[in-house]
Protein backbone atom coordinates (compact mmCIF):
# COMPACT_ATOMS: atom_id res chain seq x y z
CA MET A 1 2.14 41.93 1.48
CA GLN A 2 3.05 41.57 5.14
CA SER A 3 0.62 38.67 5.60
CA ASN A 4 2.14 36.87 2.58
CA ARG A 5 5.60 37.35 4.00
CA LEU A 6 4.50 35.99 7.37
CA GLY A 7 2.96 32.97 5.65
CA TRP A 8 6.20 32.17 3.82
CA ILE A 9 8.15 32.57 7.06
CA LEU A 10 5.86 30.11 8.82
CA LEU A 11 6.09 27.68 5.90
CA ALA A 12 9.87 27.96 5.60
CA PRO A 13 10.80 25.26 8.19
CA THR A 14 8.46 22.74 6.52
CA LEU A 15 9.74 23.59 3.06
CA VAL A 16 13.36 23.23 4.21
CA ILE A 17 12.61 19.81 5.74
CA LEU A 18 10.77 18.64 2.60
CA PHE A 19 13.62 19.83 0.42
CA ALA A 20 16.28 18.20 2.61
CA PHE A 21 14.52 14.87 3.11
CA GLY A 22 12.47 14.67 -0.10
CA VAL A 23 13.93 16.54 -3.04
CA LEU A 24 17.64 16.10 -2.34
CA PRO A 25 17.46 12.30 -1.77
CA PHE A 26 15.42 11.90 -4.96
CA VAL A 27 17.95 13.93 -6.99
CA TYR A 28 20.77 11.85 -5.51
CA VAL A 29 19.03 8.54 -6.30
CA LEU A 30 18.31 9.79 -9.82
CA TRP A 31 22.01 10.64 -10.25
CA VAL A 32 23.12 7.24 -8.93
CA SER A 33 20.68 5.47 -11.26
CA PHE A 34 22.82 6.53 -14.25
CA HIS A 35 25.92 4.93 -12.77
CA GLN A 36 27.34 1.52 -12.01
CA TRP A 37 28.33 1.72 -8.37
CA ASN A 38 29.36 -0.74 -5.70
CA PRO A 39 30.63 1.28 -2.71
CA PHE A 40 32.05 -1.86 -1.06
CA ALA A 41 34.10 -2.99 -4.07
CA VAL A 42 37.87 -2.71 -4.30
CA ASP A 43 37.34 0.32 -6.52
CA PRO A 44 34.23 2.11 -5.16
CA THR A 45 34.28 4.78 -7.87
CA MET A 46 31.01 5.55 -9.66
CA VAL A 47 31.13 4.64 -13.34
CA PHE A 48 28.72 6.56 -15.57
CA ASN A 49 26.90 4.17 -17.89
CA GLY A 50 24.15 6.40 -19.26
CA ALA A 51 20.84 4.61 -19.72
CA ASP A 52 22.29 1.08 -19.50
CA ASN A 53 20.58 0.44 -16.16
CA PHE A 54 17.21 1.51 -17.57
CA ARG A 55 17.80 -0.65 -20.64
CA LYS A 56 18.65 -3.59 -18.38
CA ILE A 57 15.32 -3.31 -16.57
CA VAL A 58 13.38 -4.06 -19.74
CA PHE A 59 15.07 -7.46 -20.04
CA ASP A 60 15.32 -8.25 -16.31
CA ALA A 61 13.06 -11.26 -15.80
CA ASP A 62 13.30 -11.04 -12.00
CA PHE A 63 12.21 -7.40 -12.00
CA LEU A 64 9.33 -8.01 -14.43
CA ASN A 65 8.19 -10.96 -12.33
CA SER A 66 8.33 -8.83 -9.17
CA VAL A 67 6.19 -6.18 -10.89
CA GLY A 68 3.58 -8.79 -11.80
CA VAL A 69 3.52 -10.20 -8.27
CA THR A 70 3.27 -6.70 -6.80
CA VAL A 71 0.39 -5.72 -9.08
CA MET A 72 -1.58 -8.82 -8.10
CA PHE A 73 -0.88 -8.17 -4.42
CA VAL A 74 -1.90 -4.50 -4.64
CA PHE A 75 -5.09 -5.33 -6.54
CA PHE A 76 -6.36 -8.03 -4.19
CA ALA A 77 -5.21 -6.30 -0.99
CA VAL A 78 -6.52 -2.80 -1.73
CA ILE A 79 -9.85 -3.99 -3.17
CA SER A 80 -10.39 -6.30 -0.18
CA GLU A 81 -9.51 -3.54 2.29
CA LEU A 82 -11.96 -1.15 0.63
CA ILE A 83 -14.80 -3.68 0.72
CA VAL A 84 -14.17 -4.88 4.27
CA GLY A 85 -13.44 -1.35 5.47
CA TYR A 86 -16.72 -0.02 4.03
CA PHE A 87 -18.83 -2.72 5.69
CA LEU A 88 -17.03 -2.19 9.00
CA ALA A 89 -17.55 1.56 8.69
CA GLN A 90 -21.27 1.01 8.12
CA ALA A 91 -21.36 -1.34 11.11
CA PHE A 92 -19.61 1.16 13.38
CA MET A 93 -22.08 3.86 12.29
CA ARG A 94 -24.78 1.95 14.18
CA GLU A 95 -25.22 1.53 17.89
CA PHE A 96 -24.64 -1.92 19.40
CA PRO A 97 -23.41 -3.26 22.75
CA GLY A 98 -19.63 -3.02 23.14
CA LYS A 99 -19.21 -0.65 20.20
CA ALA A 100 -16.43 1.39 21.85
CA PHE A 101 -14.55 -1.78 22.81
CA PHE A 102 -14.72 -3.26 19.32
CA ARG A 103 -13.65 0.02 17.70
CA THR A 104 -10.62 0.12 20.00
CA ILE A 105 -9.67 -3.48 19.26
CA HIS A 106 -10.24 -2.88 15.57
CA THR A 107 -7.72 -0.02 15.42
CA LEU A 108 -4.95 -1.75 17.41
CA PRO A 109 -3.12 -3.16 14.33
CA LEU A 110 -2.46 0.40 13.13
CA ILE A 111 -0.15 1.13 16.07
CA MET A 112 2.06 -1.88 15.31
CA ALA A 113 5.22 -1.43 13.25
CA PRO A 114 5.24 -3.42 9.99
CA ILE A 115 8.28 -5.45 11.03
CA ILE A 116 6.47 -6.49 14.23
CA VAL A 117 3.40 -7.46 12.22
CA GLY A 118 5.58 -9.66 10.02
CA SER A 119 7.20 -11.26 13.07
CA VAL A 120 3.85 -12.01 14.72
CA TRP A 121 2.44 -13.58 11.57
CA LYS A 122 5.67 -15.54 11.12
CA LEU A 123 5.13 -17.11 14.53
CA MET A 124 1.48 -17.82 13.78
CA MET A 125 2.26 -19.41 10.39
CA THR A 126 5.28 -21.56 11.33
CA PRO A 127 4.11 -25.18 10.86
CA SER A 128 5.72 -26.55 14.01
CA ILE A 129 4.49 -23.89 16.46
CA GLY A 130 1.99 -21.74 14.58
CA ILE A 131 -1.62 -21.65 15.71
CA ILE A 132 -3.05 -21.23 12.19
CA PRO A 133 -1.42 -24.31 10.57
CA HIS A 134 -2.32 -26.32 13.67
CA TYR A 135 -6.04 -25.57 13.54
CA MET A 136 -6.22 -25.71 9.74
CA GLN A 137 -4.87 -29.24 9.95
CA GLN A 138 -6.98 -30.22 12.96
CA TRP A 139 -10.31 -28.79 11.82
CA PHE A 140 -10.17 -28.99 8.02
CA GLY A 141 -7.36 -31.45 7.32
CA ILE A 142 -5.51 -28.82 5.30
CA SER A 143 -1.72 -28.61 5.55
CA VAL A 144 -0.55 -24.97 5.42
CA ASN A 145 3.15 -24.31 4.93
CA ILE A 146 4.18 -20.89 3.64
CA GLY A 147 7.74 -22.14 3.24
CA THR A 148 6.84 -24.62 0.51
CA SER A 149 3.52 -23.44 -0.95
CA PRO A 150 3.63 -20.28 -3.13
CA PHE A 151 -0.16 -19.98 -2.97
CA ALA A 152 -0.22 -20.21 0.83
CA ALA A 153 2.57 -17.65 1.16
CA PHE A 154 0.96 -15.16 -1.23
CA THR A 155 -2.49 -15.56 0.30
CA THR A 156 -1.11 -15.18 3.83
CA ILE A 157 0.59 -11.90 2.92
CA ILE A 158 -2.66 -10.54 1.47
CA ILE A 159 -4.59 -11.54 4.61
CA MET A 160 -1.86 -10.04 6.81
CA ASP A 161 -2.01 -6.75 4.90
CA ILE A 162 -5.81 -6.68 5.14
CA TRP A 163 -5.61 -7.27 8.89
CA HIS A 164 -2.98 -4.55 9.31
CA TRP A 165 -4.42 -1.76 7.14
CA THR A 166 -8.20 -2.24 6.99
CA PRO A 167 -8.61 -0.13 10.18
CA LEU A 168 -7.13 2.85 8.30
CA VAL A 169 -9.67 2.41 5.51
CA THR A 170 -12.48 2.02 8.05
CA LEU A 171 -11.59 5.22 9.90
CA THR A 172 -11.33 7.18 6.65
CA LEU A 173 -14.70 5.95 5.40
CA ILE A 174 -16.36 6.55 8.78
CA ALA A 175 -15.26 10.18 8.57
CA ALA A 176 -16.66 10.42 5.04
CA LEU A 177 -19.97 8.76 5.92
CA VAL A 178 -20.51 10.91 9.02
CA SER A 179 -20.10 14.08 6.96
CA LEU A 180 -22.81 13.11 4.44
CA PRO A 181 -26.04 15.18 4.59
CA ALA A 182 -29.24 13.30 5.39
CA ASP A 183 -31.51 15.08 2.88
CA PRO A 184 -30.50 13.15 -0.29
CA PHE A 185 -31.03 9.81 1.46
CA GLU A 186 -34.44 10.81 2.81
CA GLN A 187 -35.53 12.03 -0.61
CA ALA A 188 -34.32 8.81 -2.25
CA GLN A 189 -36.27 6.70 0.24
CA ILE A 190 -39.40 8.77 -0.37
CA ASP A 191 -38.96 8.20 -4.13
CA GLY A 192 -38.80 4.45 -3.50
CA ALA A 193 -35.09 3.82 -4.12
CA ASN A 194 -33.73 0.59 -2.68
CA LYS A 195 -30.44 0.22 -0.78
CA ARG A 196 -28.47 -0.79 -3.86
CA GLN A 197 -29.66 2.23 -5.82
CA ILE A 198 -28.94 4.56 -2.89
CA PHE A 199 -25.42 3.18 -2.60
CA TRP A 200 -24.54 3.45 -6.32
CA HIS A 201 -26.20 6.79 -7.05
CA ILE A 202 -25.87 8.71 -3.77
CA THR A 203 -23.45 7.21 -1.23
CA LEU A 204 -20.62 6.19 -3.56
CA PRO A 205 -20.50 9.43 -5.60
CA MET A 206 -20.53 11.52 -2.42
CA ILE A 207 -17.72 9.58 -0.71
CA ALA A 208 -15.70 9.21 -3.94
CA PRO A 209 -13.03 11.78 -2.90
CA ALA A 210 -12.43 9.93 0.36
CA VAL A 211 -12.31 6.60 -1.46
CA VAL A 212 -9.80 7.92 -4.00
CA ALA A 213 -7.63 9.44 -1.25
CA THR A 214 -7.70 6.12 0.62
CA VAL A 215 -6.80 4.21 -2.53
CA PHE A 216 -3.88 6.59 -3.16
CA ILE A 217 -2.53 6.08 0.36
CA ARG A 218 -2.93 2.31 0.32
CA LEU A 219 -1.63 2.01 -3.24
CA MET A 220 1.59 3.85 -2.41
CA ASP A 221 2.01 1.86 0.81
CA ALA A 222 1.33 -1.48 -0.85
CA LEU A 223 3.75 -0.83 -3.71
CA ARG A 224 6.61 -0.31 -1.26
CA THR A 225 5.79 -3.19 1.07
CA VAL A 226 9.03 -4.72 2.33
CA ASP A 227 9.15 -5.19 6.11
CA GLU A 228 6.26 -7.59 6.60
CA VAL A 229 7.12 -9.67 3.56
CA TRP A 230 10.80 -9.88 4.44
CA MET A 231 10.01 -11.04 7.97
CA LEU A 232 7.29 -13.50 6.91
CA THR A 233 8.63 -15.15 3.75
CA GLY A 234 11.83 -13.36 2.72
CA GLY A 235 10.36 -13.14 -0.78
CA GLY A 236 9.90 -16.88 -1.13
CA PRO A 237 9.23 -19.63 -1.68
CA GLY A 238 11.13 -19.08 -4.89
CA SER A 239 9.93 -15.71 -6.17
CA ALA A 240 6.28 -16.14 -5.20
CA THR A 241 6.33 -13.16 -2.83
CA ARG A 242 9.29 -11.24 -4.25
CA PHE A 243 7.58 -7.88 -4.48
CA VAL A 244 9.25 -4.84 -6.05
CA GLY A 245 10.35 -3.54 -2.65
CA VAL A 246 11.92 -6.88 -1.75
CA HIS A 247 13.61 -7.02 -5.16
CA ILE A 248 15.14 -3.57 -4.60
CA PHE A 249 16.27 -4.60 -1.13
CA LYS A 250 18.02 -7.68 -2.48
CA GLU A 251 19.68 -5.71 -5.27
CA VAL A 252 20.98 -2.98 -2.96
CA PHE A 253 22.03 -4.84 0.18
CA PRO A 254 23.02 -8.47 -0.53
CA LYS A 255 24.32 -7.66 -4.03
CA THR A 256 25.47 -4.09 -3.16
CA ASN A 257 24.37 -3.01 -6.65
CA TYR A 258 23.45 0.53 -5.72
CA GLY A 259 23.28 1.90 -9.26
CA TYR A 260 20.82 -0.67 -10.56
CA GLY A 261 18.82 -0.60 -7.33
CA SER A 262 18.47 3.18 -7.65
CA THR A 263 17.27 2.74 -11.24
CA ILE A 264 14.54 0.33 -10.13
CA SER A 265 13.50 2.78 -7.40
CA VAL A 266 13.15 5.62 -9.93
CA VAL A 267 11.12 3.44 -12.30
CA VAL A 268 8.82 2.26 -9.50
CA LEU A 269 8.28 5.86 -8.39
CA TYR A 270 7.38 6.81 -11.95
CA LEU A 271 4.95 3.88 -12.28
CA THR A 272 3.33 4.82 -8.95
CA ILE A 273 2.77 8.40 -10.11
CA VAL A 274 1.30 7.18 -13.41
CA VAL A 275 -1.09 4.75 -11.69
CA CYS A 276 -2.24 7.44 -9.22
CA TRP A 277 -2.80 9.87 -12.10
CA LEU A 278 -4.84 7.29 -14.00
CA LEU A 279 -6.97 6.67 -10.91
CA TYR A 280 -7.58 10.38 -10.53
CA VAL A 281 -8.52 10.78 -14.18
CA THR A 282 -10.92 7.83 -14.19
CA MET A 283 -12.57 8.45 -10.80
CA LEU A 284 -12.50 12.18 -10.03
CA ALA A 285 -11.95 14.07 -13.27
CA PRO A 286 -15.35 13.12 -14.81
CA ARG A 287 -17.03 14.14 -11.55
CA ASN A 288 -15.30 17.54 -11.55
CA THR A 289 -16.24 18.04 -15.22
CA LYS A 290 -19.92 17.48 -14.49
CA LYS A 291 -19.75 19.99 -11.67
CA GLY A 292 -18.17 22.55 -13.99
């Protein structure tokens, strides 16, 4: 009894912080989402409008378009980061000259704030001064302008996200690979299994929890991407890179539509939870059932 009481006492500060900065803001946003509210209007009073904001979302073409753009971005970015991160993790598991130096350089993007990443890539992609458009034109004869080409803008954001967050995936997978026992791999090699069979039937199932955890982290981060995109393209050209986070930002700040912006935030949170649950069910639940 005394040990349980001591445990709750030690957990109390963390629980208070989580409640103050997690639960209370969510309850407040949920309350605002059922209102029409512009705090900078002549009459800043909240007007309760029931589920009108949620009904509006269903017919909001801009929001639906932002969801589609975000889904495509999350799919290509997260899948690419997993693939590149796995191969880099395998490479860093081996010994080669300059390994410590390359691992240090590889992890440097993680210490950069997203808004700085967006600013750096903005400078590199500006047609008049950017190094990437310059060499793409000089070496391949390809004109790259993220201000006029939706494809170039969308592709650049995916590449930027891969550059920024692949080190996180690599470090996570290195930790998972290092912890794997050697016996199953030695037995598979004795039985004549090739590398592809070893990967699909031994390596991947054993690192599945780490992969799922990494996907959860990157999925939640990618769905709320705002800083880099706002600095690089501002959501343009047109609505080519108007992700859900950028759409919420534009609804809340330029339009000062706090009620509708809160509604979108609640819906996006719900969709994120549903997607994470589906990933868990499809990737980990069958594995746990077999164990049972």
